[in-house]
Amino acid sequence: MFTRCFLPHCPCESTSPQNSVIIDVEPSAAVNARNAEVALVYRCCWDTQHSACGMFIQGSSRDILSHLRERHGIVHTADADLECRWSSCSMDKRLKMSSIARHIERHLGIQFRCSRCGLTARDDVVRDHIRRNPGCADAAVQLVPGSGARLIVSA
């Protein structure tokens, strides 16, 4: 099951249905777009039978794992090793299931930034940086979307 949402042709255009295309997104992304009016999504490039999935997913670890489980049959077990099947991935080694979402965030270009000093890294690294550095104690973790991010609006 998937939901259809509007995706503007380019970020500079208005987000009205007349200037948009309809895309297939995970239902959770559509719900977030309806609740907040907009949501950021990325095209899934997980290789399924020699073809990229193509569905639009949100970039959080939870949403990535949910999509892999529901659409690609990836079962989460603590000790499972998994080959990354992202179409552009050249990694030779297998990944622990607990690492695959972070690995896919790298494919998506997702990073996080300390709002105080501008340090950019993975979410957990920025959070640790804020916790350990008194000068950044009141900083927020800001999402830095990857270049493939698309903004959807609810119909």
N, C-alpha and C. Protein backbone atom coordinates (compact mmCIF):
# COMPACT_ATOMS: atom_id res chain seq x y z
N MET A 1 0.83 -1.18 0.00
CA MET A 1 0.00 0.00 0.00
C MET A 1 0.88 1.24 0.00
N PHE A 2 0.56 2.20 -0.81
CA PHE A 2 1.27 3.46 -0.83
C PHE A 2 0.26 4.57 -0.99
N THR A 3 0.73 5.78 -0.80
CA THR A 3 -0.12 6.95 -0.89
C THR A 3 0.45 7.86 -1.96
N ARG A 4 -0.40 8.58 -2.63
CA ARG A 4 0.07 9.52 -3.64
C ARG A 4 0.03 10.93 -3.08
N CYS A 5 1.11 11.67 -3.32
CA CYS A 5 1.22 13.05 -2.87
C CYS A 5 1.73 13.91 -4.01
N PHE A 6 1.66 15.21 -3.83
CA PHE A 6 2.16 16.13 -4.84
C PHE A 6 3.62 16.45 -4.57
N LEU A 7 4.41 16.48 -5.62
CA LEU A 7 5.82 16.84 -5.55
C LEU A 7 6.05 17.96 -6.55
N PRO A 8 6.43 19.16 -6.09
CA PRO A 8 6.69 20.24 -7.04
C PRO A 8 7.79 19.83 -8.02
N HIS A 9 7.69 20.30 -9.26
CA HIS A 9 8.71 19.97 -10.26
C HIS A 9 10.09 20.45 -9.82
N CYS A 10 10.16 21.61 -9.22
CA CYS A 10 11.42 22.08 -8.67
C CYS A 10 11.13 22.92 -7.44
N PRO A 11 12.10 23.06 -6.53
CA PRO A 11 11.85 23.76 -5.27
C PRO A 11 11.42 25.21 -5.45
N CYS A 12 11.77 25.84 -6.57
CA CYS A 12 11.44 27.25 -6.74
C CYS A 12 10.00 27.47 -7.18
N GLU A 13 9.32 26.41 -7.59
CA GLU A 13 7.95 26.55 -8.05
C GLU A 13 6.97 26.53 -6.89
N SER A 14 5.81 27.03 -7.14
CA SER A 14 4.73 26.97 -6.15
C SER A 14 4.38 25.51 -5.92
N THR A 15 3.80 25.21 -4.77
CA THR A 15 3.47 23.82 -4.44
C THR A 15 2.01 23.50 -4.72
N SER A 16 1.40 24.20 -5.62
CA SER A 16 0.01 23.90 -5.95
C SER A 16 -0.06 22.65 -6.81
N PRO A 17 -1.18 21.93 -6.78
CA PRO A 17 -1.32 20.72 -7.59
C PRO A 17 -1.09 20.97 -9.08
N GLN A 18 -1.37 22.16 -9.56
CA GLN A 18 -1.19 22.44 -10.99
C GLN A 18 0.29 22.43 -11.38
N ASN A 19 1.19 22.74 -10.46
CA ASN A 19 2.62 22.79 -10.75
C ASN A 19 3.36 21.58 -10.20
N SER A 20 2.66 20.50 -9.96
CA SER A 20 3.26 19.35 -9.28
C SER A 20 3.04 18.07 -10.07
N VAL A 21 3.81 17.06 -9.68
CA VAL A 21 3.61 15.71 -10.19
C VAL A 21 3.16 14.85 -9.02
N ILE A 22 2.48 13.77 -9.30
CA ILE A 22 2.04 12.86 -8.25
C ILE A 22 3.09 11.77 -8.08
N ILE A 23 3.46 11.49 -6.84
CA ILE A 23 4.47 10.47 -6.56
C ILE A 23 3.92 9.45 -5.58
N ASP A 24 4.55 8.28 -5.55
CA ASP A 24 4.20 7.24 -4.59
C ASP A 24 5.10 7.39 -3.37
N VAL A 25 4.49 7.54 -2.21
CA VAL A 25 5.26 7.68 -0.97
C VAL A 25 4.75 6.68 0.06
N GLU A 26 5.60 6.39 1.02
CA GLU A 26 5.18 5.57 2.15
C GLU A 26 4.05 6.30 2.87
N PRO A 27 3.06 5.58 3.38
CA PRO A 27 1.95 6.23 4.09
C PRO A 27 2.39 7.13 5.23
N SER A 28 3.46 6.77 5.95
CA SER A 28 3.93 7.60 7.06
C SER A 28 4.36 8.98 6.58
N ALA A 29 4.96 9.06 5.40
CA ALA A 29 5.36 10.36 4.84
C ALA A 29 4.14 11.17 4.47
N ALA A 30 3.13 10.52 3.93
CA ALA A 30 1.91 11.22 3.56
C ALA A 30 1.20 11.77 4.79
N VAL A 31 1.17 10.98 5.86
CA VAL A 31 0.55 11.43 7.11
C VAL A 31 1.29 12.64 7.65
N ASN A 32 2.62 12.59 7.64
CA ASN A 32 3.41 13.72 8.11
C ASN A 32 3.16 14.95 7.26
N ALA A 33 3.02 14.77 5.96
CA ALA A 33 2.75 15.91 5.08
C ALA A 33 1.37 16.48 5.38
N ARG A 34 0.39 15.62 5.63
CA ARG A 34 -0.95 16.12 5.96
C ARG A 34 -0.95 16.86 7.29
N ASN A 35 -0.24 16.32 8.28
CA ASN A 35 -0.24 16.94 9.60
C ASN A 35 0.56 18.24 9.63
N ALA A 36 1.66 18.30 8.89
CA ALA A 36 2.51 19.48 8.90
C ALA A 36 2.39 20.27 7.59
N GLU A 37 1.60 19.78 6.67
CA GLU A 37 1.40 20.33 5.33
C GLU A 37 2.55 20.04 4.38
N VAL A 38 3.75 19.77 4.91
CA VAL A 38 4.89 19.43 4.06
C VAL A 38 5.72 18.34 4.73
N ALA A 39 6.50 17.62 3.95
CA ALA A 39 7.44 16.63 4.48
C ALA A 39 8.58 16.48 3.49
N LEU A 40 9.77 16.17 3.99
CA LEU A 40 10.92 15.91 3.13
C LEU A 40 10.98 14.42 2.83
N VAL A 41 11.18 14.07 1.58
CA VAL A 41 11.29 12.67 1.19
C VAL A 41 12.47 12.49 0.24
N TYR A 42 12.91 11.25 0.13
CA TYR A 42 14.03 10.87 -0.73
C TYR A 42 13.62 9.65 -1.53
N ARG A 43 14.15 9.52 -2.74
CA ARG A 43 13.85 8.35 -3.56
C ARG A 43 14.68 7.16 -3.08
N CYS A 44 14.00 6.05 -2.83
CA CYS A 44 14.68 4.82 -2.42
C CYS A 44 15.35 4.20 -3.64
N CYS A 45 16.65 3.91 -3.51
CA CYS A 45 17.40 3.29 -4.60
C CYS A 45 17.83 1.87 -4.25
N TRP A 46 17.11 1.23 -3.33
CA TRP A 46 17.39 -0.17 -2.98
C TRP A 46 17.12 -1.00 -4.21
N ASP A 47 18.08 -1.81 -4.59
CA ASP A 47 17.98 -2.60 -5.82
C ASP A 47 17.10 -3.82 -5.60
N THR A 48 15.97 -3.83 -6.28
CA THR A 48 15.07 -4.98 -6.21
C THR A 48 14.99 -5.60 -7.59
N GLN A 49 15.59 -6.73 -7.75
CA GLN A 49 15.57 -7.46 -9.03
C GLN A 49 16.09 -6.59 -10.17
N HIS A 50 17.29 -6.00 -9.97
CA HIS A 50 18.01 -5.21 -10.97
C HIS A 50 17.30 -3.92 -11.34
N SER A 51 16.53 -3.39 -10.42
CA SER A 51 15.85 -2.12 -10.65
C SER A 51 15.70 -1.40 -9.30
N ALA A 52 15.97 -0.11 -9.29
CA ALA A 52 15.83 0.65 -8.04
C ALA A 52 14.36 0.71 -7.64
N CYS A 53 14.12 0.65 -6.34
CA CYS A 53 12.76 0.68 -5.80
C CYS A 53 11.97 1.88 -6.32
N GLY A 54 12.52 3.09 -6.12
CA GLY A 54 11.89 4.29 -6.65
C GLY A 54 10.84 4.94 -5.76
N MET A 55 10.40 4.26 -4.71
CA MET A 55 9.40 4.86 -3.83
C MET A 55 10.05 5.97 -3.01
N PHE A 56 9.29 6.99 -2.67
CA PHE A 56 9.81 8.08 -1.85
C PHE A 56 9.59 7.75 -0.38
N ILE A 57 10.66 7.92 0.40
CA ILE A 57 10.63 7.62 1.83
C ILE A 57 11.17 8.82 2.60
N GLN A 58 10.81 8.89 3.87
CA GLN A 58 11.43 9.91 4.72
C GLN A 58 12.79 9.42 5.16
N GLY A 59 13.65 10.33 5.58
CA GLY A 59 15.04 10.00 5.85
C GLY A 59 15.40 9.64 7.27
N SER A 60 14.43 9.50 8.17
CA SER A 60 14.78 9.13 9.54
C SER A 60 15.14 7.64 9.59
N SER A 61 15.97 7.29 10.56
CA SER A 61 16.36 5.88 10.71
C SER A 61 15.14 4.99 10.85
N ARG A 62 14.17 5.44 11.64
CA ARG A 62 12.95 4.65 11.85
C ARG A 62 12.21 4.42 10.53
N ASP A 63 12.07 5.47 9.73
CA ASP A 63 11.36 5.34 8.46
C ASP A 63 12.12 4.49 7.46
N ILE A 64 13.44 4.62 7.45
CA ILE A 64 14.26 3.80 6.55
C ILE A 64 14.11 2.32 6.90
N LEU A 65 14.25 1.99 8.19
CA LEU A 65 14.12 0.59 8.61
C LEU A 65 12.73 0.05 8.35
N SER A 66 11.72 0.86 8.58
CA SER A 66 10.35 0.44 8.32
C SER A 66 10.15 0.13 6.84
N HIS A 67 10.67 0.99 5.98
CA HIS A 67 10.55 0.78 4.54
C HIS A 67 11.29 -0.50 4.12
N LEU A 68 12.50 -0.70 4.62
CA LEU A 68 13.26 -1.91 4.27
C LEU A 68 12.51 -3.16 4.70
N ARG A 69 11.89 -3.10 5.87
CA ARG A 69 11.15 -4.26 6.38
C ARG A 69 9.89 -4.50 5.56
N GLU A 70 9.10 -3.45 5.36
CA GLU A 70 7.79 -3.61 4.72
C GLU A 70 7.85 -3.79 3.21
N ARG A 71 8.78 -3.14 2.55
CA ARG A 71 8.83 -3.18 1.08
C ARG A 71 9.86 -4.15 0.52
N HIS A 72 10.92 -4.40 1.31
CA HIS A 72 12.01 -5.21 0.78
C HIS A 72 12.25 -6.49 1.57
N GLY A 73 11.39 -6.76 2.55
CA GLY A 73 11.46 -8.01 3.30
C GLY A 73 12.68 -8.16 4.17
N ILE A 74 13.32 -7.06 4.54
CA ILE A 74 14.49 -7.13 5.40
C ILE A 74 14.01 -7.30 6.84
N VAL A 75 14.41 -8.40 7.46
CA VAL A 75 13.98 -8.70 8.82
C VAL A 75 15.06 -8.24 9.78
N HIS A 76 14.67 -7.49 10.80
CA HIS A 76 15.61 -6.96 11.77
C HIS A 76 15.90 -8.00 12.84
N THR A 77 17.10 -8.52 12.81
CA THR A 77 17.59 -9.37 13.89
C THR A 77 18.93 -8.81 14.34
N ALA A 78 19.19 -8.89 15.63
CA ALA A 78 20.34 -8.22 16.22
C ALA A 78 21.67 -8.62 15.59
N ASP A 79 21.84 -9.89 15.26
CA ASP A 79 23.14 -10.34 14.77
C ASP A 79 23.20 -10.51 13.26
N ALA A 80 22.16 -10.11 12.55
CA ALA A 80 22.14 -10.31 11.10
C ALA A 80 23.12 -9.38 10.40
N ASP A 81 23.82 -9.92 9.43
CA ASP A 81 24.66 -9.13 8.54
C ASP A 81 23.89 -8.91 7.26
N LEU A 82 24.06 -7.75 6.67
CA LEU A 82 23.26 -7.38 5.51
C LEU A 82 24.14 -6.73 4.47
N GLU A 83 23.95 -7.10 3.23
CA GLU A 83 24.63 -6.45 2.12
C GLU A 83 23.82 -5.23 1.72
N CYS A 84 24.49 -4.09 1.55
CA CYS A 84 23.78 -2.90 1.08
C CYS A 84 23.48 -3.07 -0.40
N ARG A 85 22.22 -2.94 -0.75
CA ARG A 85 21.82 -3.11 -2.15
C ARG A 85 21.41 -1.78 -2.78
N TRP A 86 21.88 -0.67 -2.19
CA TRP A 86 21.63 0.65 -2.77
C TRP A 86 22.32 0.68 -4.12
N SER A 87 21.65 1.17 -5.13
CA SER A 87 22.15 1.03 -6.50
C SER A 87 23.54 1.62 -6.72
N SER A 88 23.94 2.63 -5.98
CA SER A 88 25.26 3.23 -6.21
C SER A 88 26.30 2.81 -5.18
N CYS A 89 25.98 1.85 -4.32
CA CYS A 89 26.88 1.47 -3.23
C CYS A 89 27.99 0.54 -3.73
N SER A 90 29.22 0.90 -3.37
CA SER A 90 30.35 0.06 -3.75
C SER A 90 31.00 -0.60 -2.53
N MET A 91 30.31 -0.56 -1.40
CA MET A 91 30.86 -1.15 -0.17
C MET A 91 30.93 -2.67 -0.31
N ASP A 92 32.10 -3.20 0.01
CA ASP A 92 32.32 -4.64 -0.11
C ASP A 92 31.86 -5.41 1.12
N LYS A 93 31.97 -4.79 2.29
CA LYS A 93 31.66 -5.54 3.51
C LYS A 93 30.16 -5.51 3.82
N ARG A 94 29.76 -6.47 4.61
CA ARG A 94 28.37 -6.55 5.04
C ARG A 94 28.20 -5.71 6.30
N LEU A 95 27.00 -5.22 6.49
CA LEU A 95 26.70 -4.33 7.62
C LEU A 95 25.81 -5.04 8.63
N LYS A 96 25.95 -4.66 9.88
CA LYS A 96 25.01 -5.10 10.90
C LYS A 96 23.69 -4.39 10.64
N MET A 97 22.60 -5.05 10.94
CA MET A 97 21.29 -4.45 10.75
C MET A 97 21.18 -3.13 11.51
N SER A 98 21.84 -3.05 12.66
CA SER A 98 21.78 -1.82 13.45
C SER A 98 22.49 -0.65 12.78
N SER A 99 23.30 -0.91 11.76
CA SER A 99 24.04 0.15 11.07
C SER A 99 23.45 0.54 9.72
N ILE A 100 22.55 -0.26 9.20
CA ILE A 100 22.10 -0.04 7.82
C ILE A 100 21.37 1.29 7.63
N ALA A 101 20.57 1.71 8.59
CA ALA A 101 19.85 2.98 8.44
C ALA A 101 20.83 4.15 8.37
N ARG A 102 21.84 4.15 9.26
CA ARG A 102 22.85 5.21 9.22
C ARG A 102 23.60 5.18 7.89
N HIS A 103 23.89 3.99 7.40
CA HIS A 103 24.58 3.84 6.12
C HIS A 103 23.73 4.43 4.99
N ILE A 104 22.45 4.16 4.99
CA ILE A 104 21.56 4.69 3.95
C ILE A 104 21.43 6.21 4.08
N GLU A 105 21.45 6.73 5.31
CA GLU A 105 21.45 8.19 5.48
C GLU A 105 22.63 8.81 4.74
N ARG A 106 23.76 8.13 4.72
CA ARG A 106 24.94 8.61 3.97
C ARG A 106 24.64 8.63 2.47
N HIS A 107 24.00 7.57 1.97
CA HIS A 107 23.62 7.56 0.54
C HIS A 107 22.69 8.73 0.23
N LEU A 108 21.79 9.04 1.16
CA LEU A 108 20.82 10.12 0.95
C LEU A 108 21.45 11.50 1.14
N GLY A 109 22.65 11.54 1.70
CA GLY A 109 23.33 12.81 1.93
C GLY A 109 22.85 13.56 3.15
N ILE A 110 22.12 12.88 4.03
CA ILE A 110 21.57 13.52 5.22
C ILE A 110 22.68 13.74 6.25
N GLN A 111 22.74 14.96 6.77
CA GLN A 111 23.66 15.29 7.85
C GLN A 111 22.93 16.13 8.88
N PHE A 112 23.62 16.40 9.97
CA PHE A 112 23.06 17.21 11.04
C PHE A 112 24.09 18.24 11.44
N ARG A 113 23.61 19.39 11.93
CA ARG A 113 24.49 20.51 12.24
C ARG A 113 24.20 21.04 13.64
N CYS A 114 25.27 21.42 14.33
CA CYS A 114 25.15 22.12 15.61
C CYS A 114 24.78 23.57 15.30
N SER A 115 23.67 24.04 15.87
CA SER A 115 23.21 25.39 15.56
C SER A 115 24.12 26.48 16.13
N ARG A 116 24.97 26.13 17.07
CA ARG A 116 25.86 27.12 17.69
C ARG A 116 27.16 27.29 16.90
N CYS A 117 27.87 26.20 16.62
CA CYS A 117 29.20 26.32 16.00
C CYS A 117 29.25 25.84 14.55
N GLY A 118 28.20 25.17 14.10
CA GLY A 118 28.15 24.74 12.70
C GLY A 118 28.76 23.38 12.42
N LEU A 119 29.22 22.66 13.45
CA LEU A 119 29.76 21.32 13.23
C LEU A 119 28.72 20.49 12.49
N THR A 120 29.13 19.82 11.42
CA THR A 120 28.22 19.00 10.63
C THR A 120 28.71 17.56 10.65
N ALA A 121 27.80 16.63 11.00
CA ALA A 121 28.15 15.22 11.09
C ALA A 121 26.86 14.40 11.21
N ARG A 122 27.02 13.12 11.57
CA ARG A 122 25.85 12.28 11.84
C ARG A 122 25.12 12.82 13.06
N ASP A 123 23.86 12.47 13.18
CA ASP A 123 23.02 12.91 14.29
C ASP A 123 23.65 12.59 15.64
N ASP A 124 24.08 11.34 15.85
CA ASP A 124 24.63 10.95 17.15
C ASP A 124 25.92 11.69 17.47
N VAL A 125 26.72 11.99 16.47
CA VAL A 125 27.97 12.71 16.68
C VAL A 125 27.69 14.15 17.09
N VAL A 126 26.73 14.80 16.43
CA VAL A 126 26.39 16.19 16.77
C VAL A 126 25.78 16.24 18.17
N ARG A 127 24.90 15.30 18.50
CA ARG A 127 24.31 15.28 19.85
C ARG A 127 25.39 15.10 20.92
N ASP A 128 26.35 14.21 20.68
CA ASP A 128 27.45 14.00 21.61
C ASP A 128 28.30 15.27 21.73
N HIS A 129 28.56 15.93 20.61
CA HIS A 129 29.31 17.18 20.59
C HIS A 129 28.63 18.24 21.46
N ILE A 130 27.32 18.39 21.31
CA ILE A 130 26.57 19.39 22.09
C ILE A 130 26.63 19.06 23.59
N ARG A 131 26.51 17.78 23.90
CA ARG A 131 26.53 17.35 25.30
C ARG A 131 27.90 17.60 25.94
N ARG A 132 28.98 17.43 25.18
CA ARG A 132 30.34 17.52 25.74
C ARG A 132 30.95 18.93 25.70
N ASN A 133 30.40 19.83 24.90
CA ASN A 133 30.99 21.15 24.74
C ASN A 133 30.14 22.23 25.40
N PRO A 134 30.64 22.81 26.50
CA PRO A 134 29.85 23.81 27.23
C PRO A 134 29.41 24.99 26.37
N GLY A 135 30.23 25.39 25.41
CA GLY A 135 29.87 26.51 24.54
C GLY A 135 28.70 26.21 23.62
N CYS A 136 28.38 24.95 23.45
CA CYS A 136 27.28 24.55 22.57
C CYS A 136 26.12 23.91 23.34
N ALA A 137 26.16 24.02 24.66
CA ALA A 137 25.17 23.34 25.50
C ALA A 137 23.73 23.71 25.19
N ASP A 138 23.50 24.95 24.75
CA ASP A 138 22.12 25.37 24.44
C ASP A 138 21.81 25.28 22.94
N ALA A 139 22.68 24.64 22.19
CA ALA A 139 22.49 24.53 20.74
C ALA A 139 21.42 23.49 20.41
N ALA A 140 20.90 23.61 19.21
CA ALA A 140 19.94 22.63 18.69
C ALA A 140 20.62 21.82 17.60
N VAL A 141 20.11 20.62 17.38
CA VAL A 141 20.57 19.79 16.27
C VAL A 141 19.69 20.12 15.07
N GLN A 142 20.32 20.59 14.00
CA GLN A 142 19.58 20.98 12.80
C GLN A 142 19.79 19.95 11.70
N LEU A 143 18.71 19.59 11.02
CA LEU A 143 18.79 18.68 9.88
C LEU A 143 19.37 19.42 8.68
N VAL A 144 20.32 18.78 8.00
CA VAL A 144 20.85 19.29 6.74
C VAL A 144 20.43 18.27 5.68
N PRO A 145 19.37 18.56 4.93
CA PRO A 145 18.87 17.58 3.95
C PRO A 145 19.90 17.29 2.86
N GLY A 146 19.86 16.07 2.35
CA GLY A 146 20.71 15.71 1.23
C GLY A 146 20.22 16.37 -0.04
N SER A 147 21.07 16.38 -1.05
CA SER A 147 20.73 17.07 -2.31
C SER A 147 19.55 16.42 -3.02
N GLY A 148 19.27 15.16 -2.72
CA GLY A 148 18.15 14.48 -3.36
C GLY A 148 16.82 14.66 -2.65
N ALA A 149 16.80 15.47 -1.59
CA ALA A 149 15.57 15.68 -0.82
C ALA A 149 14.53 16.37 -1.67
N ARG A 150 13.29 15.96 -1.50
CA ARG A 150 12.17 16.59 -2.19
C ARG A 150 11.12 16.94 -1.15
N LEU A 151 10.48 18.06 -1.34
CA LEU A 151 9.44 18.53 -0.44
C LEU A 151 8.10 18.10 -1.00
N ILE A 152 7.29 17.41 -0.20
CA ILE A 152 5.95 17.05 -0.66
C ILE A 152 4.93 17.86 0.12
N VAL A 153 3.83 18.09 -0.52
CA VAL A 153 2.71 18.76 0.13
C VAL A 153 1.50 17.85 0.00
N SER A 154 0.67 17.87 0.98
CA SER A 154 -0.51 17.02 0.97
C SER A 154 -1.55 17.57 0.01
N ALA A 155 -2.24 16.66 -0.65
CA ALA A 155 -3.29 17.07 -1.60
C ALA A 155 -4.52 17.52 -0.87
